[in-house]
Amino acid sequence: MGLHIIATGGTFDKHYDPIGGTLGFEKSHLPEILQTARLVEETSFEIVSLVDSLDMGEQERLAVLQACQKCSEQRIVVIHGTDTMQETARIIGQAQLDKCIILTGAMVPYSVRDSDALFNLGAAVTASTLLEQGTWVVMNGRALPWHSVRKDKERGIFISQNNRV
C-alpha cells in the first residue's frame, strides 16, 4: 500500500542542452530523486510520457487516467507540466477514483538552479498521506482541489478559482 509516481514530463523533467541552448527531454529525473529522497515506504514509478504539457492531447491525458486506474496503490503523485495541469486534473477528477491523486510539477526544471521541483514533489508526497480521496493539485506549498484551481501566469503560482492566494 505504498506510493505510485507517474511521470508525464513537463518542466520538472526537462534537461538543458548547453550546445543548442534549449530545454528538452532525455529521461526522467525521478529515479535519481527517489534514490536520494530516503522515502521510508515502498514507492513505484512509471513514465507515461515525457512531453511538454502544451503538447499533450486528449489521448495523453487519458493515458494518465488509465495509469491511475490500473495501479494498485491508493496514493498517486503525477508529475505534470504546469501549463495544462488543471486539464489533466479535471479528467482524473471527473473519473472519481477511490484514490488520493496529487498532480504537481515545477516552474523551473529540476536540473536548473533555484528549481521548485524538489519542494513541490516533497509537498505532494506528504500531501498524499494527509489528504482524503480525490484529485488535488499541490503547488507552491498549497493543496487545492482539482475543480477549483487555476494557474496565475502573471505570478507563476497556482491559486484557487475564487482568486484566493
C-alpha atoms as a PDB file:
ATOM      1  CA  MET A   1       0.000   0.000   0.000  1.00  0.00           C
ATOM      2  CA  GLY A   2       2.777   2.402  -0.915  1.00  0.00           C
ATOM      3  CA  LEU A   3       3.028   5.334  -3.240  1.00  0.00           C
ATOM      4  CA  HIS A   4       2.976   5.292  -7.038  1.00  0.00           C
ATOM      5  CA  ILE A   5       4.575   8.137  -9.005  1.00  0.00           C
ATOM      6  CA  ILE A   6       3.682   8.758 -12.630  1.00  0.00           C
ATOM      7  CA  ALA A   7       5.905  10.934 -14.817  1.00  0.00           C
ATOM      8  CA  THR A   8       4.449  12.765 -17.804  1.00  0.00           C
ATOM      9  CA  GLY A   9       7.264  15.236 -18.452  1.00  0.00           C
ATOM     10  CA  GLY A  10       6.643  18.928 -18.101  1.00  0.00           C
ATOM     11  CA  THR A  11       9.177  21.491 -16.991  1.00  0.00           C
ATOM     12  CA  PHE A  12      10.015  19.301 -13.971  1.00  0.00           C
ATOM     13  CA  ASP A  13      11.800  16.730 -16.163  1.00  0.00           C
ATOM     14  CA  LYS A  14      13.334  18.993 -18.781  1.00  0.00           C
ATOM     15  CA  HIS A  15      17.090  18.934 -19.372  1.00  0.00           C
ATOM     16  CA  TYR A  16      19.116  21.900 -20.541  1.00  0.00           C
ATOM     17  CA  ASP A  17      21.135  21.354 -23.724  1.00  0.00           C
ATOM     18  CA  PRO A  18      24.106  23.738 -23.433  1.00  0.00           C
ATOM     19  CA  ILE A  19      25.071  23.308 -27.090  1.00  0.00           C
ATOM     20  CA  GLY A  20      21.638  24.029 -28.517  1.00  0.00           C
ATOM     21  CA  GLY A  21      20.650  26.349 -25.663  1.00  0.00           C
ATOM     22  CA  THR A  22      17.295  24.590 -25.409  1.00  0.00           C
ATOM     23  CA  LEU A  23      15.264  22.652 -22.888  1.00  0.00           C
ATOM     24  CA  GLY A  24      14.084  19.192 -23.876  1.00  0.00           C
ATOM     25  CA  PHE A  25      13.645  15.653 -22.636  1.00  0.00           C
ATOM     26  CA  GLU A  26      16.268  12.942 -22.293  1.00  0.00           C
ATOM     27  CA  LYS A  27      14.973  10.875 -19.394  1.00  0.00           C
ATOM     28  CA  SER A  28      13.101  11.443 -16.158  1.00  0.00           C
ATOM     29  CA  HIS A  29      14.962  12.819 -13.162  1.00  0.00           C
ATOM     30  CA  LEU A  30      12.670  10.894 -10.818  1.00  0.00           C
ATOM     31  CA  PRO A  31      14.729   7.680 -10.408  1.00  0.00           C
ATOM     32  CA  GLU A  32      17.690   9.803  -9.232  1.00  0.00           C
ATOM     33  CA  ILE A  33      15.464  11.915  -6.974  1.00  0.00           C
ATOM     34  CA  LEU A  34      13.752   8.892  -5.430  1.00  0.00           C
ATOM     35  CA  GLN A  35      17.100   7.224  -4.761  1.00  0.00           C
ATOM     36  CA  THR A  36      18.302  10.200  -2.731  1.00  0.00           C
ATOM     37  CA  ALA A  37      14.959  11.088  -1.098  1.00  0.00           C
ATOM     38  CA  ARG A  38      15.169   8.318   1.507  1.00  0.00           C
ATOM     39  CA  LEU A  39      11.443   7.611   1.400  1.00  0.00           C
ATOM     40  CA  VAL A  40      10.610   5.061   4.081  1.00  0.00           C
ATOM     41  CA  GLU A  41       7.743   3.436   2.229  1.00  0.00           C
ATOM     42  CA  GLU A  42       7.676   1.371  -0.903  1.00  0.00           C
ATOM     43  CA  THR A  43       7.436   3.627  -3.950  1.00  0.00           C
ATOM     44  CA  SER A  44       6.834   2.548  -7.523  1.00  0.00           C
ATOM     45  CA  PHE A  45       7.420   4.708 -10.570  1.00  0.00           C
ATOM     46  CA  GLU A  46       6.377   4.718 -14.208  1.00  0.00           C
ATOM     47  CA  ILE A  47       6.800   7.002 -17.181  1.00  0.00           C
ATOM     48  CA  VAL A  48       3.590   7.527 -19.139  1.00  0.00           C
ATOM     49  CA  SER A  49       5.166  10.174 -21.388  1.00  0.00           C
ATOM     50  CA  LEU A  50       7.867  12.816 -21.413  1.00  0.00           C
ATOM     51  CA  VAL A  51       6.256  15.791 -23.137  1.00  0.00           C
ATOM     52  CA  ASP A  52       5.602  19.440 -22.527  1.00  0.00           C
ATOM     53  CA  SER A  53       2.039  19.745 -21.270  1.00  0.00           C
ATOM     54  CA  LEU A  54       1.266  22.204 -24.075  1.00  0.00           C
ATOM     55  CA  ASP A  55       1.868  19.277 -26.450  1.00  0.00           C
ATOM     56  CA  MET A  56      -0.452  16.910 -24.557  1.00  0.00           C
ATOM     57  CA  GLY A  57      -3.700  15.969 -26.200  1.00  0.00           C
ATOM     58  CA  GLU A  58      -6.756  14.062 -25.070  1.00  0.00           C
ATOM     59  CA  GLN A  59      -5.081  10.680 -25.719  1.00  0.00           C
ATOM     60  CA  GLU A  60      -2.114  11.524 -23.473  1.00  0.00           C
ATOM     61  CA  ARG A  61      -4.440  12.725 -20.712  1.00  0.00           C
ATOM     62  CA  LEU A  62      -6.493   9.539 -20.967  1.00  0.00           C
ATOM     63  CA  ALA A  63      -3.251   7.525 -20.729  1.00  0.00           C
ATOM     64  CA  VAL A  64      -2.533   9.259 -17.410  1.00  0.00           C
ATOM     65  CA  LEU A  65      -6.041   8.434 -16.203  1.00  0.00           C
ATOM     66  CA  GLN A  66      -5.611   4.799 -17.256  1.00  0.00           C
ATOM     67  CA  ALA A  67      -2.299   4.603 -15.388  1.00  0.00           C
ATOM     68  CA  CYS A  68      -4.065   5.901 -12.268  1.00  0.00           C
ATOM     69  CA  GLN A  69      -6.892   3.404 -12.701  1.00  0.00           C
ATOM     70  CA  LYS A  70      -4.686   0.354 -13.209  1.00  0.00           C
ATOM     71  CA  CYS A  71      -2.192   0.849 -10.387  1.00  0.00           C
ATOM     72  CA  SER A  72      -2.936  -0.941  -7.133  1.00  0.00           C
ATOM     73  CA  GLU A  73      -1.688   1.857  -4.886  1.00  0.00           C
ATOM     74  CA  GLN A  74      -4.238   4.178  -3.310  1.00  0.00           C
ATOM     75  CA  ARG A  75      -1.834   7.128  -3.270  1.00  0.00           C
ATOM     76  CA  ILE A  76      -0.549   8.514  -6.566  1.00  0.00           C
ATOM     77  CA  VAL A  77       1.602  11.519  -7.447  1.00  0.00           C
ATOM     78  CA  VAL A  78       1.554  12.651 -11.077  1.00  0.00           C
ATOM     79  CA  ILE A  79       4.437  14.821 -12.270  1.00  0.00           C
ATOM     80  CA  HIS A  80       2.912  17.083 -14.913  1.00  0.00           C
ATOM     81  CA  GLY A  81       3.626  20.248 -16.838  1.00  0.00           C
ATOM     82  CA  THR A  82       2.085  23.316 -15.248  1.00  0.00           C
ATOM     83  CA  ASP A  83       0.521  24.901 -18.346  1.00  0.00           C
ATOM     84  CA  THR A  84      -2.243  22.305 -18.700  1.00  0.00           C
ATOM     85  CA  MET A  85      -2.115  20.568 -15.330  1.00  0.00           C
ATOM     86  CA  GLN A  86      -5.665  21.582 -14.478  1.00  0.00           C
ATOM     87  CA  GLU A  87      -6.957  19.954 -17.697  1.00  0.00           C
ATOM     88  CA  THR A  88      -5.500  16.571 -16.774  1.00  0.00           C
ATOM     89  CA  ALA A  89      -6.644  17.047 -13.177  1.00  0.00           C
ATOM     90  CA  ARG A  90     -10.182  17.591 -14.488  1.00  0.00           C
ATOM     91  CA  ILE A  91     -10.157  14.330 -16.467  1.00  0.00           C
ATOM     92  CA  ILE A  92      -8.846  12.388 -13.470  1.00  0.00           C
ATOM     93  CA  GLY A  93     -11.105  14.200 -11.010  1.00  0.00           C
ATOM     94  CA  GLN A  94     -14.244  13.564 -13.033  1.00  0.00           C
ATOM     95  CA  ALA A  95     -13.443   9.837 -13.016  1.00  0.00           C
ATOM     96  CA  GLN A  96     -13.927   9.904  -9.212  1.00  0.00           C
ATOM     97  CA  LEU A  97     -11.378   7.204  -8.436  1.00  0.00           C
ATOM     98  CA  ASP A  98     -11.247   5.881  -4.870  1.00  0.00           C
ATOM     99  CA  LYS A  99      -7.654   7.073  -4.534  1.00  0.00           C
ATOM    100  CA  CYS A 100      -5.754  10.161  -3.446  1.00  0.00           C
ATOM    101  CA  ILE A 101      -4.219  11.540  -6.629  1.00  0.00           C
ATOM    102  CA  ILE A 102      -1.896  14.529  -6.489  1.00  0.00           C
ATOM    103  CA  LEU A 103      -0.718  16.449  -9.551  1.00  0.00           C
ATOM    104  CA  THR A 104       2.418  18.523  -9.160  1.00  0.00           C
ATOM    105  CA  GLY A 105       5.180  19.943 -11.300  1.00  0.00           C
ATOM    106  CA  ALA A 106       7.720  22.737 -11.446  1.00  0.00           C
ATOM    107  CA  MET A 107       8.001  26.214 -12.844  1.00  0.00           C
ATOM    108  CA  VAL A 108      11.785  25.754 -13.160  1.00  0.00           C
ATOM    109  CA  PRO A 109      13.331  22.423 -14.287  1.00  0.00           C
ATOM    110  CA  TYR A 110      14.860  20.164 -11.619  1.00  0.00           C
ATOM    111  CA  SER A 111      18.193  20.368 -13.432  1.00  0.00           C
ATOM    112  CA  VAL A 112      18.329  24.169 -13.215  1.00  0.00           C
ATOM    113  CA  ARG A 113      19.445  26.149 -10.186  1.00  0.00           C
ATOM    114  CA  ASP A 114      16.664  27.508  -7.953  1.00  0.00           C
ATOM    115  CA  SER A 115      14.171  24.918  -9.167  1.00  0.00           C
ATOM    116  CA  ASP A 116      10.978  24.392  -7.204  1.00  0.00           C
ATOM    117  CA  ALA A 117      10.774  20.750  -8.360  1.00  0.00           C
ATOM    118  CA  LEU A 118      12.036  19.097  -5.159  1.00  0.00           C
ATOM    119  CA  PHE A 119       9.901  21.291  -2.923  1.00  0.00           C
ATOM    120  CA  ASN A 120       6.757  20.569  -4.929  1.00  0.00           C
ATOM    121  CA  LEU A 121       7.473  16.837  -5.112  1.00  0.00           C
ATOM    122  CA  GLY A 122       8.106  16.662  -1.355  1.00  0.00           C
ATOM    123  CA  ALA A 123       4.915  18.591  -0.670  1.00  0.00           C
ATOM    124  CA  ALA A 124       2.963  16.282  -2.996  1.00  0.00           C
ATOM    125  CA  VAL A 125       4.297  13.115  -1.357  1.00  0.00           C
ATOM    126  CA  THR A 126       3.446  14.469   2.096  1.00  0.00           C
ATOM    127  CA  ALA A 127       0.023  15.691   0.950  1.00  0.00           C
ATOM    128  CA  SER A 128      -0.751  12.214  -0.380  1.00  0.00           C
ATOM    129  CA  THR A 129      -0.514  10.888   3.183  1.00  0.00           C
ATOM    130  CA  LEU A 130      -2.701  13.633   4.666  1.00  0.00           C
ATOM    131  CA  LEU A 131      -5.442  14.370   2.136  1.00  0.00           C
ATOM    132  CA  GLU A 132      -8.620  12.415   1.621  1.00  0.00           C
ATOM    133  CA  GLN A 133      -9.502  10.568  -1.566  1.00  0.00           C
ATOM    134  CA  GLY A 134      -9.855  12.785  -4.559  1.00  0.00           C
ATOM    135  CA  THR A 135      -7.785  14.649  -7.102  1.00  0.00           C
ATOM    136  CA  TRP A 136      -5.636  17.529  -5.948  1.00  0.00           C
ATOM    137  CA  VAL A 137      -3.092  19.978  -7.342  1.00  0.00           C
ATOM    138  CA  VAL A 138      -0.186  20.573  -4.967  1.00  0.00           C
ATOM    139  CA  MET A 139       1.980  23.518  -5.948  1.00  0.00           C
ATOM    140  CA  ASN A 140       3.567  26.445  -4.134  1.00  0.00           C
ATOM    141  CA  GLY A 141       3.011  24.884  -0.704  1.00  0.00           C
ATOM    142  CA  ARG A 142      -0.753  24.544  -1.182  1.00  0.00           C
ATOM    143  CA  ALA A 143      -3.116  21.665  -1.869  1.00  0.00           C
ATOM    144  CA  LEU A 144      -6.111  22.680  -3.963  1.00  0.00           C
ATOM    145  CA  PRO A 145      -9.000  20.504  -5.162  1.00  0.00           C
ATOM    146  CA  TRP A 146      -8.911  19.822  -8.907  1.00  0.00           C
ATOM    147  CA  HIS A 147     -12.182  21.640  -9.598  1.00  0.00           C
ATOM    148  CA  SER A 148     -11.128  24.951  -8.061  1.00  0.00           C
ATOM    149  CA  VAL A 149      -7.557  25.509  -9.207  1.00  0.00           C
ATOM    150  CA  ARG A 150      -6.009  27.642 -11.901  1.00  0.00           C
ATOM    151  CA  LYS A 151      -2.552  28.819 -12.842  1.00  0.00           C
ATOM    152  CA  ASP A 152      -1.915  32.522 -12.361  1.00  0.00           C
ATOM    153  CA  LYS A 153       0.505  33.002 -15.243  1.00  0.00           C
ATOM    154  CA  GLU A 154       1.381  36.555 -14.245  1.00  0.00           C
ATOM    155  CA  ARG A 155       2.668  35.491 -10.818  1.00  0.00           C
ATOM    156  CA  GLY A 156       3.759  31.964 -11.747  1.00  0.00           C
ATOM    157  CA  ILE A 157       1.722  30.293  -8.998  1.00  0.00           C
ATOM    158  CA  PHE A 158      -1.409  28.184  -8.637  1.00  0.00           C
ATOM    159  CA  ILE A 159      -4.402  29.709  -6.926  1.00  0.00           C
ATOM    160  CA  SER A 160      -7.981  28.739  -6.190  1.00  0.00           C
ATOM    161  CA  GLN A 161     -10.624  29.716  -8.730  1.00  0.00           C
ATOM    162  CA  ASN A 162     -12.062  32.286  -6.337  1.00  0.00           C
ATOM    163  CA  ASN A 163      -8.690  34.103  -6.627  1.00  0.00           C
ATOM    164  CA  ARG A 164      -7.578  33.481  -3.055  1.00  0.00           C
ATOM    165  CA  VAL A 165      -3.818  33.059  -2.881  1.00  0.00           C
END
